[in-house]
Amino acid sequence: MIAGMVLLSAALHPLWNMLLKGDADRAASWWLFTVLLAAISGTHGLLIGADFGAILEYLPLIATSWAGQILYGMALIRIYDRGDLSAYYPIVRASPIGIVGINALILGVGYPPAVLAGIVLTVGGAVWVQKKPGLRLLDDPQTLILAFVSMFGTAIYSLADARASAHVEPPVLFFAVEAALLVIYLPVMALLGHGFVGERAILLLSARPWRHLGAAVLCYASYSLILWSYKLGGDVAAVTTVRQASIPLSVLIGWAVLKELHLGRRLPASLLMVAGILVVIHAA
């Protein structure tokens, strides 16, 4: 059941990413996305009568998720600003490695060899499928560092969310994180040179309202499935590894819908990822 939920989440992930393509103002688009996610999760929580007071009891875990989200989001925007994301995004998406590292070295969590092998296969396939030929990581060491910061940001918020979701309803946890982030992002983005993004976000929403709303709904559904899988006892490293199935799905969508090239190179890499995911599902 948990594996099915994560695979459904992975299927939704490339769809909302595709809807957000085309926004040149990445900072304003990201802030608008956060506003919409906070509104959707808050509304969902109210409709089901969830206990929002639980936020106060588990504030340290939620604050850790905030910190991870800020590291991930701000580093990713800086990577966008500095140039071609494709050379560095495979590192950003290698969060299962970061999660295993933090769990093993800091939290003392052990993993069976088969799970570790599946994670290595999956992440190796992810790097292969996303990296463009001729792009060298060491050409821009600052962007390389940002990619690792973003990756560990993902690992941090995934670990925090996995623990918090055992005690806080997923819509409440989602709202607590996104509502705080939409306030925190304003000064942080200004300090990073993006100015005041609020007015620009309104312009983006007015230009493409259904695209932005649709992307937010799909993202909310996708990550809510992840939070529910944590709540049902899914291991965070295994869940984030299985979620990498979104990458081969993105490859197929890019080839079939967007007419992207290099399917001959990307398809074998995607199959390697699928093999790793199946190993993790079987062993976890």
Protein backbone atom coordinates (compact mmCIF):
# COMPACT_ATOMS: atom_id res chain seq x y z
CA MET A 1 0.00 0.00 0.00
CA ILE A 2 2.77 2.45 0.96
CA ALA A 3 4.70 1.70 -2.23
CA GLY A 4 1.55 2.31 -4.28
CA MET A 5 0.99 5.69 -2.60
CA VAL A 6 4.58 6.75 -3.26
CA LEU A 7 4.41 5.63 -6.90
CA LEU A 8 1.19 7.64 -7.36
CA SER A 9 2.97 10.64 -5.82
CA ALA A 10 5.82 10.12 -8.28
CA ALA A 11 3.37 10.05 -11.19
CA LEU A 12 1.91 13.43 -10.15
CA HIS A 13 5.30 15.09 -9.60
CA PRO A 14 6.34 15.68 -13.24
CA LEU A 15 2.87 17.01 -14.08
CA TRP A 16 3.04 19.99 -11.73
CA ASN A 17 6.64 20.63 -12.73
CA MET A 18 5.56 20.78 -16.37
CA LEU A 19 2.78 23.26 -15.56
CA LEU A 20 5.22 25.65 -13.86
CA LYS A 21 7.59 25.76 -16.83
CA GLY A 22 7.69 29.10 -18.58
CA ASP A 23 7.95 31.42 -15.57
CA ALA A 24 11.10 33.48 -16.09
CA ASP A 25 10.78 35.09 -12.64
CA ARG A 26 11.70 32.01 -10.59
CA ALA A 27 11.67 33.78 -7.22
CA ALA A 28 8.18 35.27 -7.64
CA SER A 29 6.91 31.97 -9.06
CA TRP A 30 8.29 30.04 -6.07
CA TRP A 31 6.71 32.46 -3.58
CA LEU A 32 3.35 32.31 -5.37
CA PHE A 33 3.57 28.52 -5.34
CA THR A 34 4.13 28.61 -1.57
CA VAL A 35 1.12 30.92 -1.05
CA LEU A 36 -1.15 28.60 -3.01
CA LEU A 37 0.11 25.51 -1.17
CA ALA A 38 -0.55 27.19 2.20
CA ALA A 39 -4.07 28.16 1.10
CA ILE A 40 -4.90 24.66 -0.20
CA SER A 41 -3.52 22.80 2.81
CA GLY A 42 -5.14 25.20 5.29
CA THR A 43 -8.52 24.84 3.58
CA HIS A 44 -8.19 21.06 3.53
CA GLY A 45 -7.33 20.99 7.22
CA LEU A 46 -10.35 23.14 8.12
CA LEU A 47 -12.71 21.02 6.02
CA ILE A 48 -11.72 17.79 7.77
CA GLY A 49 -11.65 19.39 11.24
CA ALA A 50 -7.94 18.74 11.81
CA ASP A 51 -6.27 19.85 15.04
CA PHE A 52 -4.09 22.86 14.16
CA GLY A 53 -3.04 23.17 17.81
CA ALA A 54 -0.77 20.15 17.32
CA ILE A 55 1.64 22.52 15.54
CA LEU A 56 2.69 24.01 18.89
CA GLU A 57 3.47 20.62 20.45
CA TYR A 58 5.89 19.63 17.70
CA LEU A 59 7.30 23.03 16.80
CA PRO A 60 10.98 21.89 16.90
CA LEU A 61 10.31 19.27 14.18
CA ILE A 62 8.33 21.77 12.11
CA ALA A 63 11.09 24.37 12.52
CA THR A 64 13.60 21.78 11.28
CA SER A 65 11.40 21.22 8.23
CA TRP A 66 11.31 25.01 7.68
CA ALA A 67 15.11 25.14 7.78
CA GLY A 68 15.43 22.30 5.29
CA GLN A 69 12.87 23.84 2.95
CA ILE A 70 14.66 27.20 3.03
CA LEU A 71 18.02 25.60 2.26
CA TYR A 72 16.48 23.60 -0.58
CA GLY A 73 14.42 26.41 -2.10
CA MET A 74 16.91 29.26 -1.85
CA ALA A 75 19.83 27.18 -3.12
CA LEU A 76 17.71 25.93 -6.03
CA ILE A 77 16.73 29.48 -7.01
CA ARG A 78 20.41 30.52 -6.90
CA ILE A 79 21.27 27.58 -9.17
CA TYR A 80 18.60 28.77 -11.60
CA ASP A 81 20.08 32.28 -11.48
CA ARG A 82 23.63 31.09 -12.11
CA GLY A 83 22.94 29.11 -15.26
CA ASP A 84 22.11 25.63 -16.55
CA LEU A 85 20.29 23.63 -13.88
CA SER A 86 20.62 20.32 -15.71
CA ALA A 87 24.27 19.76 -14.74
CA TYR A 88 23.52 20.11 -11.03
CA TYR A 89 19.90 18.98 -10.58
CA PRO A 90 20.90 15.29 -10.37
CA ILE A 91 22.77 16.15 -7.16
CA VAL A 92 19.76 18.06 -5.83
CA ARG A 93 17.60 14.97 -6.44
CA ALA A 94 20.07 12.62 -4.72
CA SER A 95 18.34 13.19 -1.36
CA PRO A 96 18.17 9.44 -0.48
CA ILE A 97 21.97 9.50 -0.16
CA GLY A 98 21.77 12.53 2.14
CA ILE A 99 19.04 10.88 4.21
CA VAL A 100 21.03 7.66 4.63
CA GLY A 101 24.11 9.69 5.56
CA ILE A 102 22.31 11.74 8.22
CA ASN A 103 20.47 8.69 9.58
CA ALA A 104 23.61 6.54 9.76
CA LEU A 105 26.16 9.10 10.96
CA ILE A 106 24.00 11.26 13.25
CA LEU A 107 20.90 9.28 14.21
CA GLY A 108 22.46 5.79 14.30
CA VAL A 109 19.93 4.20 11.95
CA GLY A 110 21.10 1.10 10.06
CA TYR A 111 19.98 -0.22 6.66
CA PRO A 112 20.06 -3.72 5.15
CA PRO A 113 22.62 -4.12 2.32
CA ALA A 114 19.85 -4.72 -0.23
CA VAL A 115 18.21 -1.36 0.57
CA LEU A 116 21.56 0.43 0.27
CA ALA A 117 22.23 -1.31 -3.06
CA GLY A 118 18.81 -0.27 -4.36
CA ILE A 119 19.39 3.33 -3.30
CA VAL A 120 22.79 3.40 -5.05
CA LEU A 121 21.27 1.97 -8.26
CA THR A 122 18.42 4.47 -8.19
CA VAL A 123 20.56 7.53 -7.51
CA GLY A 124 23.15 6.39 -10.06
CA GLY A 125 20.43 6.07 -12.67
CA ALA A 126 19.07 9.50 -11.69
CA VAL A 127 22.46 11.15 -12.23
CA TRP A 128 22.86 9.37 -15.58
CA VAL A 129 19.38 10.20 -16.86
CA GLN A 130 19.48 13.91 -16.02
CA LYS A 131 23.04 14.97 -16.80
CA LYS A 132 23.65 16.50 -20.20
CA PRO A 133 26.75 15.40 -22.14
CA GLY A 134 29.62 17.87 -22.07
CA LEU A 135 28.61 19.60 -18.83
CA ARG A 136 31.29 19.34 -16.14
CA LEU A 137 30.40 19.87 -12.50
CA LEU A 138 33.79 21.32 -11.53
CA ASP A 139 33.46 24.13 -14.09
CA ASP A 140 31.44 26.06 -11.49
CA PRO A 141 32.36 25.00 -7.92
CA GLN A 142 30.04 27.56 -6.28
CA THR A 143 27.01 26.14 -8.08
CA LEU A 144 28.19 22.64 -7.19
CA ILE A 145 28.20 23.63 -3.50
CA LEU A 146 24.70 25.09 -3.89
CA ALA A 147 23.52 21.78 -5.36
CA PHE A 148 24.80 19.89 -2.31
CA VAL A 149 23.18 22.46 0.01
CA SER A 150 19.87 22.00 -1.79
CA MET A 151 20.20 18.21 -1.63
CA PHE A 152 20.87 18.20 2.12
CA GLY A 153 18.01 20.67 2.57
CA THR A 154 15.71 18.08 1.00
CA ALA A 155 17.14 15.36 3.24
CA ILE A 156 16.62 17.52 6.35
CA TYR A 157 13.00 18.41 5.66
CA SER A 158 12.20 14.83 4.60
CA LEU A 159 13.52 13.45 7.90
CA ALA A 160 11.69 16.12 9.91
CA ASP A 161 8.43 15.58 8.01
CA ALA A 162 8.66 11.82 8.48
CA ARG A 163 8.89 12.24 12.26
CA ALA A 164 6.33 15.05 12.53
CA SER A 165 3.73 13.26 10.40
CA ALA A 166 3.50 10.52 13.04
CA HIS A 167 1.93 13.10 15.37
CA VAL A 168 0.50 15.88 13.18
CA GLU A 169 -2.16 15.43 10.49
CA PRO A 170 -0.61 15.85 7.00
CA PRO A 171 -2.76 18.91 6.01
CA VAL A 172 -1.80 20.64 9.27
CA LEU A 173 1.89 19.83 8.85
CA PHE A 174 1.78 21.00 5.22
CA PHE A 175 0.06 24.26 6.24
CA ALA A 176 2.43 24.93 9.14
CA VAL A 177 5.49 24.63 6.91
CA GLU A 178 4.16 26.52 3.89
CA ALA A 179 2.50 29.35 5.85
CA ALA A 180 5.74 30.10 7.69
CA LEU A 181 7.81 29.83 4.52
CA LEU A 182 5.73 32.35 2.60
CA VAL A 183 6.57 34.94 5.30
CA ILE A 184 10.21 33.89 5.67
CA TYR A 185 10.86 33.89 1.93
CA LEU A 186 10.03 37.61 1.55
CA PRO A 187 13.06 39.00 3.46
CA VAL A 188 15.33 36.12 2.42
CA MET A 189 14.59 36.66 -1.27
CA ALA A 190 15.08 40.42 -0.87
CA LEU A 191 18.47 39.83 0.77
CA LEU A 192 19.46 37.55 -2.12
CA GLY A 193 18.72 40.32 -4.61
CA HIS A 194 15.27 39.29 -5.86
CA GLY A 195 13.49 42.36 -4.49
CA PHE A 196 9.88 42.29 -3.28
CA VAL A 197 8.29 39.32 -4.98
CA GLY A 198 4.70 39.85 -3.81
CA GLU A 199 3.60 42.22 -6.56
CA ARG A 200 5.34 40.18 -9.26
CA ALA A 201 3.64 37.03 -7.97
CA ILE A 202 0.23 38.66 -8.46
CA LEU A 203 1.16 39.43 -12.06
CA LEU A 204 2.19 35.82 -12.63
CA LEU A 205 -1.09 34.57 -11.16
CA SER A 206 -3.16 36.95 -13.27
CA ALA A 207 -1.28 35.90 -16.42
CA ARG A 208 -1.63 32.12 -15.89
CA PRO A 209 -4.12 31.53 -13.05
CA TRP A 210 -5.24 27.99 -13.91
CA ARG A 211 -1.71 26.77 -14.60
CA HIS A 212 -0.43 27.99 -11.23
CA LEU A 213 -3.47 26.74 -9.32
CA GLY A 214 -3.36 23.40 -11.12
CA ALA A 215 0.36 23.02 -10.35
CA ALA A 216 -0.25 23.76 -6.66
CA VAL A 217 -3.15 21.26 -6.43
CA LEU A 218 -1.07 18.52 -8.07
CA CYS A 219 1.94 19.27 -5.85
CA TYR A 220 -0.25 19.24 -2.74
CA ALA A 221 -1.74 15.89 -3.71
CA SER A 222 1.72 14.50 -4.53
CA TYR A 223 3.44 15.48 -1.29
CA SER A 224 0.36 14.71 0.84
CA LEU A 225 0.70 11.12 -0.35
CA ILE A 226 4.31 11.17 0.86
CA LEU A 227 3.27 12.51 4.28
CA TRP A 228 0.57 9.85 4.58
CA SER A 229 3.10 7.16 3.66
CA TYR A 230 5.33 8.41 6.50
CA LYS A 231 2.35 8.38 8.85
CA LEU A 232 1.65 4.76 7.93
CA GLY A 233 5.21 3.80 8.82
CA GLY A 234 7.13 4.15 5.56
CA ASP A 235 10.91 4.46 5.98
CA VAL A 236 12.01 7.91 4.85
CA ALA A 237 15.02 6.71 2.81
CA ALA A 238 12.96 4.03 1.08
CA VAL A 239 10.08 6.43 0.40
CA THR A 240 12.31 9.11 -1.12
CA THR A 241 14.04 6.46 -3.24
CA VAL A 242 10.79 5.05 -4.63
CA ARG A 243 9.65 8.62 -5.28
CA GLN A 244 12.56 8.93 -7.74
CA ALA A 245 10.24 7.08 -10.14
CA SER A 246 9.10 10.58 -11.11
CA ILE A 247 12.35 10.99 -13.08
CA PRO A 248 11.80 8.20 -15.66
CA LEU A 249 8.17 9.31 -15.89
CA SER A 250 9.42 12.85 -16.63
CA VAL A 251 11.67 11.42 -19.36
CA LEU A 252 8.73 9.68 -21.02
CA ILE A 253 6.52 12.77 -20.75
CA GLY A 254 9.31 14.95 -22.13
CA TRP A 255 9.76 12.61 -25.10
CA ALA A 256 6.06 12.02 -25.84
CA VAL A 257 4.62 15.49 -25.09
CA LEU A 258 7.48 17.98 -25.29
CA LYS A 259 9.37 16.13 -28.07
CA GLU A 260 12.63 16.16 -26.10
CA LEU A 261 15.65 14.31 -27.50
CA HIS A 262 18.21 11.82 -26.11
CA LEU A 263 15.66 9.11 -25.31
CA GLY A 264 18.22 6.48 -26.38
CA ARG A 265 20.56 7.56 -23.55
CA ARG A 266 17.91 8.35 -20.99
CA LEU A 267 15.84 5.18 -21.34
CA PRO A 268 18.59 2.76 -20.15
CA ALA A 269 19.32 5.10 -17.24
CA SER A 270 15.61 5.14 -16.39
CA LEU A 271 15.54 1.32 -16.44
CA LEU A 272 18.48 1.29 -14.02
CA MET A 273 16.47 3.55 -11.72
CA VAL A 274 13.43 1.29 -11.97
CA ALA A 275 15.60 -1.71 -11.08
CA GLY A 276 16.89 0.11 -7.99
CA ILE A 277 13.38 1.14 -6.97
CA LEU A 278 12.13 -2.46 -7.27
CA VAL A 279 15.03 -3.64 -5.09
CA VAL A 280 14.12 -1.07 -2.41
CA ILE A 281 10.41 -1.98 -2.52
CA HIS A 282 11.25 -5.65 -2.14
CA ALA A 283 13.87 -5.19 0.61
CA ALA A 284 12.34 -2.37 2.70
